[in-house]
Amino acid sequence: MRQMIKLVFIFNYNLHRISGEMFSGVKEIYSIDFGYNQLTTLPERLFRSQSAVRSILLHHNNISYLPPGIFRNLSRLTTV
């Protein structure tokens, strides 16, 4: 059974990397906040099953690379 989560705050956890499977088994996430971490990139498959995402916040990280097509399935995305 897939869990429904609307908002995800992974804010200020000093994360350096995250798993591409982080959101597998979860549906209907609308907003994700990865702010104030140490991320340098995001896994290509991170948002693969998350077509409902409207907002992804990445502020105050060290992101230098995003894989081509990482946001491909996010047709409702309005804010990055």
PDB file of N, CA and C in Angstrom:
ATOM      1  N   MET A   1       0.840  -1.182   0.000  1.00  0.00           N
ATOM      2  CA  MET A   1       0.000   0.000   0.000  1.00  0.00           C
ATOM      3  C   MET A   1       0.886   1.246   0.000  1.00  0.00           C
ATOM      4  N   ARG A   2       0.580   2.181  -0.879  1.00  0.00           N
ATOM      5  CA  ARG A   2       1.342   3.420  -0.952  1.00  0.00           C
ATOM      6  C   ARG A   2       0.809   4.418   0.060  1.00  0.00           C
ATOM      7  N   GLN A   3       1.711   5.118   0.714  1.00  0.00           N
ATOM      8  CA  GLN A   3       1.329   6.126   1.697  1.00  0.00           C
ATOM      9  C   GLN A   3       1.124   7.466   1.028  1.00  0.00           C
ATOM     10  N   MET A   4       0.158   8.250   1.508  1.00  0.00           N
ATOM     11  CA  MET A   4      -0.092   9.568   0.980  1.00  0.00           C
ATOM     12  C   MET A   4       0.504  10.609   1.925  1.00  0.00           C
ATOM     13  N   ILE A   5       1.385  11.426   1.394  1.00  0.00           N
ATOM     14  CA  ILE A   5       2.031  12.495   2.157  1.00  0.00           C
ATOM     15  C   ILE A   5       1.920  13.757   1.317  1.00  0.00           C
ATOM     16  N   LYS A   6       1.493  14.849   1.894  1.00  0.00           N
ATOM     17  CA  LYS A   6       1.325  16.089   1.145  1.00  0.00           C
ATOM     18  C   LYS A   6       2.580  16.957   1.164  1.00  0.00           C
ATOM     19  N   LEU A   7       3.202  17.104   2.320  1.00  0.00           N
ATOM     20  CA  LEU A   7       4.370  17.963   2.479  1.00  0.00           C
ATOM     21  C   LEU A   7       5.524  17.171   3.083  1.00  0.00           C
ATOM     22  N   VAL A   8       6.722  17.398   2.555  1.00  0.00           N
ATOM     23  CA  VAL A   8       7.911  16.737   3.083  1.00  0.00           C
ATOM     24  C   VAL A   8       8.927  17.821   3.423  1.00  0.00           C
ATOM     25  N   PHE A   9       9.333  17.875   4.686  1.00  0.00           N
ATOM     26  CA  PHE A   9      10.346  18.821   5.132  1.00  0.00           C
ATOM     27  C   PHE A   9      11.576  18.045   5.565  1.00  0.00           C
ATOM     28  N   ILE A  10      12.607  18.096   4.757  1.00  0.00           N
ATOM     29  CA  ILE A  10      13.895  17.493   5.094  1.00  0.00           C
ATOM     30  C   ILE A  10      14.857  18.674   5.135  1.00  0.00           C
ATOM     31  N   PHE A  11      14.630  19.493   6.123  1.00  0.00           N
ATOM     32  CA  PHE A  11      15.172  20.835   6.228  1.00  0.00           C
ATOM     33  C   PHE A  11      16.208  20.881   7.343  1.00  0.00           C
ATOM     34  N   ASN A  12      17.410  21.333   7.013  1.00  0.00           N
ATOM     35  CA  ASN A  12      18.461  21.561   8.013  1.00  0.00           C
ATOM     36  C   ASN A  12      18.881  20.266   8.723  1.00  0.00           C
ATOM     37  N   TYR A  13      19.119  19.217   7.955  1.00  0.00           N
ATOM     38  CA  TYR A  13      19.575  17.940   8.500  1.00  0.00           C
ATOM     39  C   TYR A  13      21.031  17.646   8.173  1.00  0.00           C
ATOM     40  N   ASN A  14      21.713  18.601   7.532  1.00  0.00           N
ATOM     41  CA  ASN A  14      23.113  18.439   7.164  1.00  0.00           C
ATOM     42  C   ASN A  14      23.319  17.233   6.239  1.00  0.00           C
ATOM     43  N   LEU A  15      22.348  16.951   5.396  1.00  0.00           N
ATOM     44  CA  LEU A  15      22.444  15.829   4.457  1.00  0.00           C
ATOM     45  C   LEU A  15      23.418  16.148   3.339  1.00  0.00           C
ATOM     46  N   HIS A  16      24.226  15.159   2.978  1.00  0.00           N
ATOM     47  CA  HIS A  16      25.170  15.306   1.872  1.00  0.00           C
ATOM     48  C   HIS A  16      24.667  14.598   0.621  1.00  0.00           C
ATOM     49  N   ARG A  17      23.839  13.581   0.796  1.00  0.00           N
ATOM     50  CA  ARG A  17      23.251  12.871  -0.335  1.00  0.00           C
ATOM     51  C   ARG A  17      21.969  12.175   0.131  1.00  0.00           C
ATOM     52  N   ILE A  18      21.142  11.861  -0.847  1.00  0.00           N
ATOM     53  CA  ILE A  18      19.896  11.161  -0.556  1.00  0.00           C
ATOM     54  C   ILE A  18      19.721  10.026  -1.552  1.00  0.00           C
ATOM     55  N   SER A  19      18.943   9.064  -1.184  1.00  0.00           N
ATOM     56  CA  SER A  19      18.697   7.889  -2.008  1.00  0.00           C
ATOM     57  C   SER A  19      17.686   8.196  -3.106  1.00  0.00           C
ATOM     58  N   GLY A  20      17.901   7.637  -4.260  1.00  0.00           N
ATOM     59  CA  GLY A  20      16.949   7.765  -5.350  1.00  0.00           C
ATOM     60  C   GLY A  20      15.633   7.072  -5.063  1.00  0.00           C
ATOM     61  N   GLU A  21      15.612   6.207  -4.079  1.00  0.00           N
ATOM     62  CA  GLU A  21      14.401   5.463  -3.697  1.00  0.00           C
ATOM     63  C   GLU A  21      13.675   6.108  -2.512  1.00  0.00           C
ATOM     64  N   MET A  22      14.105   7.285  -2.120  1.00  0.00           N
ATOM     65  CA  MET A  22      13.561   7.946  -0.938  1.00  0.00           C
ATOM     66  C   MET A  22      12.036   8.027  -0.929  1.00  0.00           C
ATOM     67  N   PHE A  23      11.431   8.288  -2.077  1.00  0.00           N
ATOM     68  CA  PHE A  23       9.986   8.472  -2.130  1.00  0.00           C
ATOM     69  C   PHE A  23       9.243   7.297  -2.756  1.00  0.00           C
ATOM     70  N   SER A  24       9.916   6.187  -2.970  1.00  0.00           N
ATOM     71  CA  SER A  24       9.204   5.030  -3.528  1.00  0.00           C
ATOM     72  C   SER A  24       8.199   4.528  -2.497  1.00  0.00           C
ATOM     73  N   GLY A  25       7.029   4.191  -2.936  1.00  0.00           N
ATOM     74  CA  GLY A  25       5.979   3.748  -2.024  1.00  0.00           C
ATOM     75  C   GLY A  25       5.169   4.886  -1.442  1.00  0.00           C
ATOM     76  N   VAL A  26       5.496   6.120  -1.826  1.00  0.00           N
ATOM     77  CA  VAL A  26       4.763   7.296  -1.341  1.00  0.00           C
ATOM     78  C   VAL A  26       4.114   7.962  -2.538  1.00  0.00           C
ATOM     79  N   LYS A  27       2.851   8.352  -2.401  1.00  0.00           N
ATOM     80  CA  LYS A  27       2.181   9.028  -3.514  1.00  0.00           C
ATOM     81  C   LYS A  27       1.670  10.393  -3.091  1.00  0.00           C
ATOM     82  N   GLU A  28       1.402  11.208  -4.054  1.00  0.00           N
ATOM     83  CA  GLU A  28       0.798  12.528  -3.888  1.00  0.00           C
ATOM     84  C   GLU A  28       1.555  13.455  -2.950  1.00  0.00           C
ATOM     85  N   ILE A  29       2.845  13.565  -3.142  1.00  0.00           N
ATOM     86  CA  ILE A  29       3.612  14.606  -2.454  1.00  0.00           C
ATOM     87  C   ILE A  29       3.433  15.881  -3.262  1.00  0.00           C
ATOM     88  N   TYR A  30       3.066  16.974  -2.592  1.00  0.00           N
ATOM     89  CA  TYR A  30       2.857  18.241  -3.279  1.00  0.00           C
ATOM     90  C   TYR A  30       4.030  19.194  -3.131  1.00  0.00           C
ATOM     91  N   SER A  31       4.710  19.131  -1.999  1.00  0.00           N
ATOM     92  CA  SER A  31       5.797  20.067  -1.755  1.00  0.00           C
ATOM     93  C   SER A  31       6.925  19.370  -0.996  1.00  0.00           C
ATOM     94  N   ILE A  32       8.163  19.625  -1.439  1.00  0.00           N
ATOM     95  CA  ILE A  32       9.337  19.018  -0.825  1.00  0.00           C
ATOM     96  C   ILE A  32      10.333  20.126  -0.514  1.00  0.00           C
ATOM     97  N   ASP A  33      10.800  20.185   0.713  1.00  0.00           N
ATOM     98  CA  ASP A  33      11.782  21.194   1.115  1.00  0.00           C
ATOM     99  C   ASP A  33      13.064  20.505   1.559  1.00  0.00           C
ATOM    100  N   PHE A  34      14.110  20.644   0.751  1.00  0.00           N
ATOM    101  CA  PHE A  34      15.443  20.127   1.079  1.00  0.00           C
ATOM    102  C   PHE A  34      16.366  21.254   1.520  1.00  0.00           C
ATOM    103  N   GLY A  35      15.836  22.380   1.918  1.00  0.00           N
ATOM    104  CA  GLY A  35      16.641  23.555   2.249  1.00  0.00           C
ATOM    105  C   GLY A  35      17.616  23.327   3.399  1.00  0.00           C
ATOM    106  N   TYR A  36      18.698  24.093   3.371  1.00  0.00           N
ATOM    107  CA  TYR A  36      19.714  24.106   4.425  1.00  0.00           C
ATOM    108  C   TYR A  36      20.317  22.730   4.693  1.00  0.00           C
ATOM    109  N   ASN A  37      20.755  22.079   3.637  1.00  0.00           N
ATOM    110  CA  ASN A  37      21.504  20.833   3.756  1.00  0.00           C
ATOM    111  C   ASN A  37      22.835  21.013   3.031  1.00  0.00           C
ATOM    112  N   GLN A  38      23.510  19.941   2.745  1.00  0.00           N
ATOM    113  CA  GLN A  38      24.804  19.994   2.056  1.00  0.00           C
ATOM    114  C   GLN A  38      24.750  19.226   0.738  1.00  0.00           C
ATOM    115  N   LEU A  39      23.596  19.184   0.111  1.00  0.00           N
ATOM    116  CA  LEU A  39      23.425  18.430  -1.123  1.00  0.00           C
ATOM    117  C   LEU A  39      24.194  19.077  -2.272  1.00  0.00           C
ATOM    118  N   THR A  40      24.841  18.250  -3.093  1.00  0.00           N
ATOM    119  CA  THR A  40      25.542  18.747  -4.277  1.00  0.00           C
ATOM    120  C   THR A  40      24.842  18.322  -5.560  1.00  0.00           C
ATOM    121  N   THR A  41      23.992  17.316  -5.477  1.00  0.00           N
ATOM    122  CA  THR A  41      23.209  16.835  -6.611  1.00  0.00           C
ATOM    123  C   THR A  41      21.995  16.078  -6.071  1.00  0.00           C
ATOM    124  N   LEU A  42      21.117  15.684  -6.963  1.00  0.00           N
ATOM    125  CA  LEU A  42      19.969  14.858  -6.617  1.00  0.00           C
ATOM    126  C   LEU A  42      19.988  13.632  -7.521  1.00  0.00           C
ATOM    127  N   PRO A  43      19.580  12.479  -7.012  1.00  0.00           N
ATOM    128  CA  PRO A  43      19.552  11.273  -7.846  1.00  0.00           C
ATOM    129  C   PRO A  43      18.544  11.409  -8.987  1.00  0.00           C
ATOM    130  N   GLU A  44      18.911  10.916 -10.136  1.00  0.00           N
ATOM    131  CA  GLU A  44      18.076  11.034 -11.329  1.00  0.00           C
ATOM    132  C   GLU A  44      16.676  10.464 -11.127  1.00  0.00           C
ATOM    133  N   ARG A  45      16.537   9.385 -10.401  1.00  0.00           N
ATOM    134  CA  ARG A  45      15.237   8.721 -10.249  1.00  0.00           C
ATOM    135  C   ARG A  45      14.432   9.198  -9.032  1.00  0.00           C
ATOM    136  N   LEU A  46      14.907  10.223  -8.340  1.00  0.00           N
ATOM    137  CA  LEU A  46      14.275  10.688  -7.102  1.00  0.00           C
ATOM    138  C   LEU A  46      12.794  11.021  -7.270  1.00  0.00           C
ATOM    139  N   PHE A  47      12.425  11.702  -8.333  1.00  0.00           N
ATOM    140  CA  PHE A  47      11.042  12.152  -8.519  1.00  0.00           C
ATOM    141  C   PHE A  47      10.274  11.308  -9.527  1.00  0.00           C
ATOM    142  N   ARG A  48      10.811  10.179  -9.913  1.00  0.00           N
ATOM    143  CA  ARG A  48      10.232   9.362 -10.987  1.00  0.00           C
ATOM    144  C   ARG A  48       8.765   9.006 -10.745  1.00  0.00           C
ATOM    145  N   SER A  49       8.373   8.735  -9.516  1.00  0.00           N
ATOM    146  CA  SER A  49       6.989   8.331  -9.223  1.00  0.00           C
ATOM    147  C   SER A  49       6.180   9.449  -8.573  1.00  0.00           C
ATOM    148  N   GLN A  50       6.634  10.693  -8.708  1.00  0.00           N
ATOM    149  CA  GLN A  50       6.006  11.810  -8.003  1.00  0.00           C
ATOM    150  C   GLN A  50       5.408  12.851  -8.939  1.00  0.00           C
ATOM    151  N   SER A  51       4.430  12.493  -9.715  1.00  0.00           N
ATOM    152  CA  SER A  51       3.862  13.406 -10.710  1.00  0.00           C
ATOM    153  C   SER A  51       3.053  14.554 -10.101  1.00  0.00           C
ATOM    154  N   ALA A  52       2.690  14.488  -8.826  1.00  0.00           N
ATOM    155  CA  ALA A  52       1.865  15.529  -8.205  1.00  0.00           C
ATOM    156  C   ALA A  52       2.678  16.686  -7.618  1.00  0.00           C
ATOM    157  N   VAL A  53       3.996  16.581  -7.588  1.00  0.00           N
ATOM    158  CA  VAL A  53       4.837  17.612  -6.958  1.00  0.00           C
ATOM    159  C   VAL A  53       4.663  18.952  -7.662  1.00  0.00           C
ATOM    160  N   ARG A  54       4.422  19.983  -6.842  1.00  0.00           N
ATOM    161  CA  ARG A  54       4.259  21.346  -7.355  1.00  0.00           C
ATOM    162  C   ARG A  54       5.413  22.252  -6.955  1.00  0.00           C
ATOM    163  N   SER A  55       6.093  21.900  -5.864  1.00  0.00           N
ATOM    164  CA  SER A  55       7.144  22.770  -5.349  1.00  0.00           C
ATOM    165  C   SER A  55       8.299  21.940  -4.787  1.00  0.00           C
ATOM    166  N   ILE A  56       9.518  22.288  -5.199  1.00  0.00           N
ATOM    167  CA  ILE A  56      10.724  21.662  -4.660  1.00  0.00           C
ATOM    168  C   ILE A  56      11.657  22.789  -4.237  1.00  0.00           C
ATOM    169  N   LEU A  57      11.955  22.853  -2.962  1.00  0.00           N
ATOM    170  CA  LEU A  57      12.828  23.902  -2.443  1.00  0.00           C
ATOM    171  C   LEU A  57      14.213  23.321  -2.172  1.00  0.00           C
ATOM    172  N   LEU A  58      15.223  23.945  -2.756  1.00  0.00           N
ATOM    173  CA  LEU A  58      16.599  23.455  -2.659  1.00  0.00           C
ATOM    174  C   LEU A  58      17.545  24.530  -2.125  1.00  0.00           C
ATOM    175  N   HIS A  59      17.018  25.579  -1.566  1.00  0.00           N
ATOM    176  CA  HIS A  59      17.829  26.716  -1.135  1.00  0.00           C
ATOM    177  C   HIS A  59      18.849  26.334  -0.066  1.00  0.00           C
ATOM    178  N   HIS A  60      19.952  27.056  -0.070  1.00  0.00           N
ATOM    179  CA  HIS A  60      21.036  26.868   0.892  1.00  0.00           C
ATOM    180  C   HIS A  60      21.595  25.444   0.889  1.00  0.00           C
ATOM    181  N   ASN A  61      21.899  24.960  -0.294  1.00  0.00           N
ATOM    182  CA  ASN A  61      22.615  23.713  -0.515  1.00  0.00           C
ATOM    183  C   ASN A  61      23.823  24.041  -1.382  1.00  0.00           C
ATOM    184  N   ASN A  62      24.553  23.040  -1.769  1.00  0.00           N
ATOM    185  CA  ASN A  62      25.732  23.220  -2.624  1.00  0.00           C
ATOM    186  C   ASN A  62      25.524  22.514  -3.963  1.00  0.00           C
ATOM    187  N   ILE A  63      24.341  22.588  -4.493  1.00  0.00           N
ATOM    188  CA  ILE A  63      24.022  21.854  -5.721  1.00  0.00           C
ATOM    189  C   ILE A  63      24.788  22.445  -6.899  1.00  0.00           C
ATOM    190  N   SER A  64      25.564  21.578  -7.532  1.00  0.00           N
ATOM    191  CA  SER A  64      26.344  21.996  -8.700  1.00  0.00           C
ATOM    192  C   SER A  64      25.936  21.224  -9.949  1.00  0.00           C
ATOM    193  N   TYR A  65      25.116  20.186  -9.789  1.00  0.00           N
ATOM    194  CA  TYR A  65      24.721  19.374 -10.934  1.00  0.00           C
ATOM    195  C   TYR A  65      23.348  18.753 -10.683  1.00  0.00           C
ATOM    196  N   LEU A  66      22.500  18.825 -11.691  1.00  0.00           N
ATOM    197  CA  LEU A  66      21.220  18.109 -11.689  1.00  0.00           C
ATOM    198  C   LEU A  66      21.176  17.265 -12.959  1.00  0.00           C
ATOM    199  N   PRO A  67      20.860  15.988 -12.824  1.00  0.00           N
ATOM    200  CA  PRO A  67      20.820  15.112 -13.995  1.00  0.00           C
ATOM    201  C   PRO A  67      19.800  15.600 -15.026  1.00  0.00           C
ATOM    202  N   PRO A  68      20.128  15.488 -16.308  1.00  0.00           N
ATOM    203  CA  PRO A  68      19.161  15.856 -17.343  1.00  0.00           C
ATOM    204  C   PRO A  68      17.864  15.051 -17.163  1.00  0.00           C
ATOM    205  N   GLY A  69      16.753  15.726 -17.254  1.00  0.00           N
ATOM    206  CA  GLY A  69      15.461  15.055 -17.164  1.00  0.00           C
ATOM    207  C   GLY A  69      14.986  14.754 -15.759  1.00  0.00           C
ATOM    208  N   ILE A  70      15.674  15.249 -14.739  1.00  0.00           N
ATOM    209  CA  ILE A  70      15.276  14.931 -13.353  1.00  0.00           C
ATOM    210  C   ILE A  70      13.840  15.385 -13.051  1.00  0.00           C
ATOM    211  N   PHE A  71      13.391  16.458 -13.707  1.00  0.00           N
ATOM    212  CA  PHE A  71      12.045  16.980 -13.465  1.00  0.00           C
ATOM    213  C   PHE A  71      11.055  16.569 -14.555  1.00  0.00           C
ATOM    214  N   ARG A  72      11.428  15.648 -15.406  1.00  0.00           N
ATOM    215  CA  ARG A  72      10.638  15.250 -16.586  1.00  0.00           C
ATOM    216  C   ARG A  72       9.208  14.849 -16.249  1.00  0.00           C
ATOM    217  N   ASN A  73       8.981  14.078 -15.223  1.00  0.00           N
ATOM    218  CA  ASN A  73       7.639  13.577 -14.881  1.00  0.00           C
ATOM    219  C   ASN A  73       6.814  14.557 -14.055  1.00  0.00           C
ATOM    220  N   LEU A  74       7.364  15.716 -13.782  1.00  0.00           N
ATOM    221  CA  LEU A  74       6.708  16.655 -12.878  1.00  0.00           C
ATOM    222  C   LEU A  74       5.959  17.735 -13.664  1.00  0.00           C
ATOM    223  N   SER A  75       4.888  17.364 -14.307  1.00  0.00           N
ATOM    224  CA  SER A  75       4.131  18.292 -15.147  1.00  0.00           C
ATOM    225  C   SER A  75       3.427  19.387 -14.351  1.00  0.00           C
ATOM    226  N   ARG A  76       3.245  19.208 -13.066  1.00  0.00           N
ATOM    227  CA  ARG A  76       2.583  20.207 -12.211  1.00  0.00           C
ATOM    228  C   ARG A  76       3.573  21.115 -11.477  1.00  0.00           C
ATOM    229  N   LEU A  77       4.843  20.862 -11.664  1.00  0.00           N
ATOM    230  CA  LEU A  77       5.886  21.625 -10.962  1.00  0.00           C
ATOM    231  C   LEU A  77       5.849  23.090 -11.369  1.00  0.00           C
ATOM    232  N   THR A  78       5.749  23.987 -10.384  1.00  0.00           N
ATOM    233  CA  THR A  78       5.739  25.415 -10.637  1.00  0.00           C
ATOM    234  C   THR A  78       6.875  26.143  -9.957  1.00  0.00           C
ATOM    235  N   THR A  79       7.478  25.546  -8.920  1.00  0.00           N
ATOM    236  CA  THR A  79       8.514  26.220  -8.148  1.00  0.00           C
ATOM    237  C   THR A  79       9.685  25.286  -7.872  1.00  0.00           C
ATOM    238  N   VAL A  80      10.879  25.765  -8.237  1.00  0.00           N
ATOM    239  CA  VAL A  80      12.127  25.056  -7.886  1.00  0.00           C
ATOM    240  C   VAL A  80      13.047  26.086  -7.279  1.00  0.00           C
TER     241      VAL A  80
END
